[in-house]
Amino acid sequence: MKKVLGFIFSAMIMVACSSHNAVNVDGEWLITNVNGKSTAGGDRQAEIKFDGKGKVNGNASVNLFFGSYSLEGDSLKFGQMGMTRMMGGSMDIEDAITKALGEVATVKVDGDKAVIMDAEGNEVMQLERKK
């Protein structure tokens, strides 16, 4: 009986710890920096929205993007993505965001700020929770 109770207690601790370490990206975020470049001054403020159910959408300063994502622990992966294709005055920001979306591997959230990194741990995007 003691072994069974010990096992149940250990399992409860593991579940509690794993849920505590879960990263939550649900909601709307401003994309403030991409590969060291500020997104300020674009045609529109770049944004990304995670719906909590595996769908993502946003704008990359000029065009809208949409698709799917999966999040396991801090591992973030985007699935098939689509995008409108208009021209605008901030195509440099747009191109940087599009490139960064293809490099995403992990995410770290600290309150209202998030950092998205590539597979080597290099920062590719900074986000700020939209208020």
C-alpha atoms as a PDB file:
ATOM      1  CA  MET A   1       0.000   0.000   0.000  1.00  0.00           C
ATOM      2  CA  LYS A   2       2.855   2.384   0.849  1.00  0.00           C
ATOM      3  CA  LYS A   3       4.422   1.724  -2.569  1.00  0.00           C
ATOM      4  CA  VAL A   4       1.135   2.515  -4.332  1.00  0.00           C
ATOM      5  CA  LEU A   5       0.674   5.739  -2.368  1.00  0.00           C
ATOM      6  CA  GLY A   6       4.306   6.680  -3.024  1.00  0.00           C
ATOM      7  CA  PHE A   7       3.829   6.109  -6.746  1.00  0.00           C
ATOM      8  CA  ILE A   8       0.624   8.178  -6.824  1.00  0.00           C
ATOM      9  CA  PHE A   9       2.298  10.996  -4.884  1.00  0.00           C
ATOM     10  CA  SER A  10       5.312  10.949  -7.241  1.00  0.00           C
ATOM     11  CA  ALA A  11       3.025  11.021 -10.289  1.00  0.00           C
ATOM     12  CA  MET A  12       1.099  13.985  -8.854  1.00  0.00           C
ATOM     13  CA  ILE A  13       4.340  15.904  -8.281  1.00  0.00           C
ATOM     14  CA  MET A  14       5.521  15.180 -11.846  1.00  0.00           C
ATOM     15  CA  VAL A  15       2.207  16.379 -13.317  1.00  0.00           C
ATOM     16  CA  ALA A  16       2.255  19.530 -11.177  1.00  0.00           C
ATOM     17  CA  CYS A  17       5.844  20.323 -12.175  1.00  0.00           C
ATOM     18  CA  SER A  18       5.254  19.689 -15.865  1.00  0.00           C
ATOM     19  CA  SER A  19       2.171  21.909 -15.968  1.00  0.00           C
ATOM     20  CA  HIS A  20       4.090  24.635 -14.117  1.00  0.00           C
ATOM     21  CA  ASN A  21       6.779  24.598 -16.821  1.00  0.00           C
ATOM     22  CA  ALA A  22       4.257  24.752 -19.670  1.00  0.00           C
ATOM     23  CA  VAL A  23       4.640  27.829 -21.867  1.00  0.00           C
ATOM     24  CA  ASN A  24       1.481  29.771 -22.651  1.00  0.00           C
ATOM     25  CA  VAL A  25       1.491  31.845 -25.834  1.00  0.00           C
ATOM     26  CA  ASP A  26      -2.300  32.073 -26.187  1.00  0.00           C
ATOM     27  CA  GLY A  27      -3.551  35.500 -27.173  1.00  0.00           C
ATOM     28  CA  GLU A  28      -2.404  38.492 -29.172  1.00  0.00           C
ATOM     29  CA  TRP A  29       1.204  39.665 -29.303  1.00  0.00           C
ATOM     30  CA  LEU A  30       2.979  42.598 -30.923  1.00  0.00           C
ATOM     31  CA  ILE A  31       6.087  41.580 -32.878  1.00  0.00           C
ATOM     32  CA  THR A  32       8.547  44.206 -31.656  1.00  0.00           C
ATOM     33  CA  ASN A  33      11.873  42.928 -32.968  1.00  0.00           C
ATOM     34  CA  VAL A  34      12.951  40.440 -35.633  1.00  0.00           C
ATOM     35  CA  ASN A  35      16.541  39.219 -35.970  1.00  0.00           C
ATOM     36  CA  GLY A  36      17.803  42.303 -34.140  1.00  0.00           C
ATOM     37  CA  LYS A  37      15.706  44.745 -36.200  1.00  0.00           C
ATOM     38  CA  SER A  38      12.892  46.827 -34.712  1.00  0.00           C
ATOM     39  CA  THR A  39       9.503  46.507 -36.397  1.00  0.00           C
ATOM     40  CA  ALA A  40       8.609  50.124 -35.539  1.00  0.00           C
ATOM     41  CA  GLY A  41       7.793  52.328 -38.500  1.00  0.00           C
ATOM     42  CA  GLY A  42       6.221  49.649 -40.667  1.00  0.00           C
ATOM     43  CA  ASP A  43       3.040  50.071 -42.681  1.00  0.00           C
ATOM     44  CA  ARG A  44       1.186  48.512 -39.696  1.00  0.00           C
ATOM     45  CA  GLN A  45       2.308  47.262 -36.297  1.00  0.00           C
ATOM     46  CA  ALA A  46       3.344  43.631 -36.828  1.00  0.00           C
ATOM     47  CA  GLU A  47       1.284  41.209 -34.724  1.00  0.00           C
ATOM     48  CA  ILE A  48       0.760  37.513 -34.125  1.00  0.00           C
ATOM     49  CA  LYS A  49      -2.205  35.761 -32.484  1.00  0.00           C
ATOM     50  CA  PHE A  50      -2.212  32.220 -31.075  1.00  0.00           C
ATOM     51  CA  ASP A  51      -5.769  30.943 -30.532  1.00  0.00           C
ATOM     52  CA  GLY A  52      -4.849  28.203 -28.033  1.00  0.00           C
ATOM     53  CA  LYS A  53      -6.285  25.545 -30.360  1.00  0.00           C
ATOM     54  CA  GLY A  54      -3.470  25.275 -32.906  1.00  0.00           C
ATOM     55  CA  LYS A  55      -4.345  28.172 -35.224  1.00  0.00           C
ATOM     56  CA  VAL A  56      -2.162  31.239 -35.692  1.00  0.00           C
ATOM     57  CA  ASN A  57      -2.619  34.446 -37.665  1.00  0.00           C
ATOM     58  CA  GLY A  58      -1.249  37.941 -37.794  1.00  0.00           C
ATOM     59  CA  ASN A  59       0.282  40.585 -39.975  1.00  0.00           C
ATOM     60  CA  ALA A  60       3.887  40.991 -40.967  1.00  0.00           C
ATOM     61  CA  SER A  61       3.676  44.785 -41.353  1.00  0.00           C
ATOM     62  CA  VAL A  62       2.192  44.680 -44.867  1.00  0.00           C
ATOM     63  CA  ASN A  63       0.562  41.281 -45.450  1.00  0.00           C
ATOM     64  CA  LEU A  64      -1.582  38.971 -43.371  1.00  0.00           C
ATOM     65  CA  PHE A  65      -0.395  35.453 -42.525  1.00  0.00           C
ATOM     66  CA  PHE A  66      -2.270  32.452 -41.159  1.00  0.00           C
ATOM     67  CA  GLY A  67      -1.717  28.793 -40.460  1.00  0.00           C
ATOM     68  CA  SER A  68      -1.253  26.274 -37.704  1.00  0.00           C
ATOM     69  CA  TYR A  69       1.132  25.798 -34.808  1.00  0.00           C
ATOM     70  CA  SER A  70       1.954  23.246 -32.148  1.00  0.00           C
ATOM     71  CA  LEU A  71       3.452  23.903 -28.737  1.00  0.00           C
ATOM     72  CA  GLU A  72       4.941  21.181 -26.530  1.00  0.00           C
ATOM     73  CA  GLY A  73       6.749  22.516 -23.486  1.00  0.00           C
ATOM     74  CA  ASP A  74       8.845  25.314 -24.976  1.00  0.00           C
ATOM     75  CA  SER A  75       9.045  23.719 -28.432  1.00  0.00           C
ATOM     76  CA  LEU A  76       7.092  25.822 -30.953  1.00  0.00           C
ATOM     77  CA  LYS A  77       6.484  24.650 -34.498  1.00  0.00           C
ATOM     78  CA  PHE A  78       4.506  26.267 -37.283  1.00  0.00           C
ATOM     79  CA  GLY A  79       2.701  24.090 -39.805  1.00  0.00           C
ATOM     80  CA  GLN A  80       1.611  25.054 -43.289  1.00  0.00           C
ATOM     81  CA  MET A  81       1.399  28.852 -43.491  1.00  0.00           C
ATOM     82  CA  GLY A  82      -0.400  31.063 -45.998  1.00  0.00           C
ATOM     83  CA  MET A  83       0.012  34.761 -46.686  1.00  0.00           C
ATOM     84  CA  THR A  84      -1.552  37.542 -48.701  1.00  0.00           C
ATOM     85  CA  ARG A  85       0.842  39.051 -51.261  1.00  0.00           C
ATOM     86  CA  MET A  86       0.579  42.830 -51.497  1.00  0.00           C
ATOM     87  CA  MET A  87       3.402  45.336 -51.831  1.00  0.00           C
ATOM     88  CA  GLY A  88       4.025  48.023 -49.253  1.00  0.00           C
ATOM     89  CA  GLY A  89       6.561  50.452 -47.905  1.00  0.00           C
ATOM     90  CA  SER A  90       7.958  48.158 -45.217  1.00  0.00           C
ATOM     91  CA  MET A  91       8.795  45.034 -47.194  1.00  0.00           C
ATOM     92  CA  ASP A  92      12.134  44.787 -45.343  1.00  0.00           C
ATOM     93  CA  ILE A  93      10.264  44.207 -42.058  1.00  0.00           C
ATOM     94  CA  GLU A  94       7.859  41.856 -43.831  1.00  0.00           C
ATOM     95  CA  ASP A  95      10.706  39.786 -45.285  1.00  0.00           C
ATOM     96  CA  ALA A  96      12.448  39.568 -41.891  1.00  0.00           C
ATOM     97  CA  ILE A  97       9.261  38.352 -40.175  1.00  0.00           C
ATOM     98  CA  THR A  98       8.531  35.818 -42.915  1.00  0.00           C
ATOM     99  CA  LYS A  99      12.080  34.446 -42.656  1.00  0.00           C
ATOM    100  CA  ALA A 100      11.907  34.317 -38.839  1.00  0.00           C
ATOM    101  CA  LEU A 101       8.611  32.391 -38.899  1.00  0.00           C
ATOM    102  CA  GLY A 102      10.419  29.672 -40.841  1.00  0.00           C
ATOM    103  CA  GLU A 103      13.238  29.467 -38.270  1.00  0.00           C
ATOM    104  CA  VAL A 104      11.161  29.129 -35.083  1.00  0.00           C
ATOM    105  CA  ALA A 105      12.084  26.269 -32.728  1.00  0.00           C
ATOM    106  CA  THR A 106      11.496  27.335 -29.114  1.00  0.00           C
ATOM    107  CA  VAL A 107       9.782  30.074 -27.150  1.00  0.00           C
ATOM    108  CA  LYS A 108      10.400  31.549 -23.721  1.00  0.00           C
ATOM    109  CA  VAL A 109       7.664  33.621 -22.066  1.00  0.00           C
ATOM    110  CA  ASP A 110       8.351  35.953 -19.160  1.00  0.00           C
ATOM    111  CA  GLY A 111       5.173  37.770 -18.150  1.00  0.00           C
ATOM    112  CA  ASP A 112       4.092  40.006 -21.021  1.00  0.00           C
ATOM    113  CA  LYS A 113       7.276  39.434 -23.039  1.00  0.00           C
ATOM    114  CA  ALA A 114       8.281  36.460 -25.152  1.00  0.00           C
ATOM    115  CA  VAL A 115      11.432  35.525 -27.027  1.00  0.00           C
ATOM    116  CA  ILE A 116      11.316  33.094 -29.940  1.00  0.00           C
ATOM    117  CA  MET A 117      14.523  31.272 -30.829  1.00  0.00           C
ATOM    118  CA  ASP A 118      15.802  29.119 -33.665  1.00  0.00           C
ATOM    119  CA  ALA A 119      17.160  25.572 -33.271  1.00  0.00           C
ATOM    120  CA  GLU A 120      20.605  26.903 -32.274  1.00  0.00           C
ATOM    121  CA  GLY A 121      19.119  29.091 -29.525  1.00  0.00           C
ATOM    122  CA  ASN A 122      19.555  32.357 -31.411  1.00  0.00           C
ATOM    123  CA  GLU A 123      16.847  34.940 -30.807  1.00  0.00           C
ATOM    124  CA  VAL A 124      14.797  35.468 -33.969  1.00  0.00           C
ATOM    125  CA  MET A 125      11.776  37.352 -32.619  1.00  0.00           C
ATOM    126  CA  GLN A 126      10.719  39.412 -29.604  1.00  0.00           C
ATOM    127  CA  LEU A 127       7.041  39.674 -28.718  1.00  0.00           C
ATOM    128  CA  GLU A 128       5.093  41.837 -26.303  1.00  0.00           C
ATOM    129  CA  ARG A 129       1.604  40.836 -25.172  1.00  0.00           C
ATOM    130  CA  LYS A 130      -1.000  43.142 -26.686  1.00  0.00           C
ATOM    131  CA  LYS A 131      -3.022  45.040 -24.088  1.00  0.00           C
END
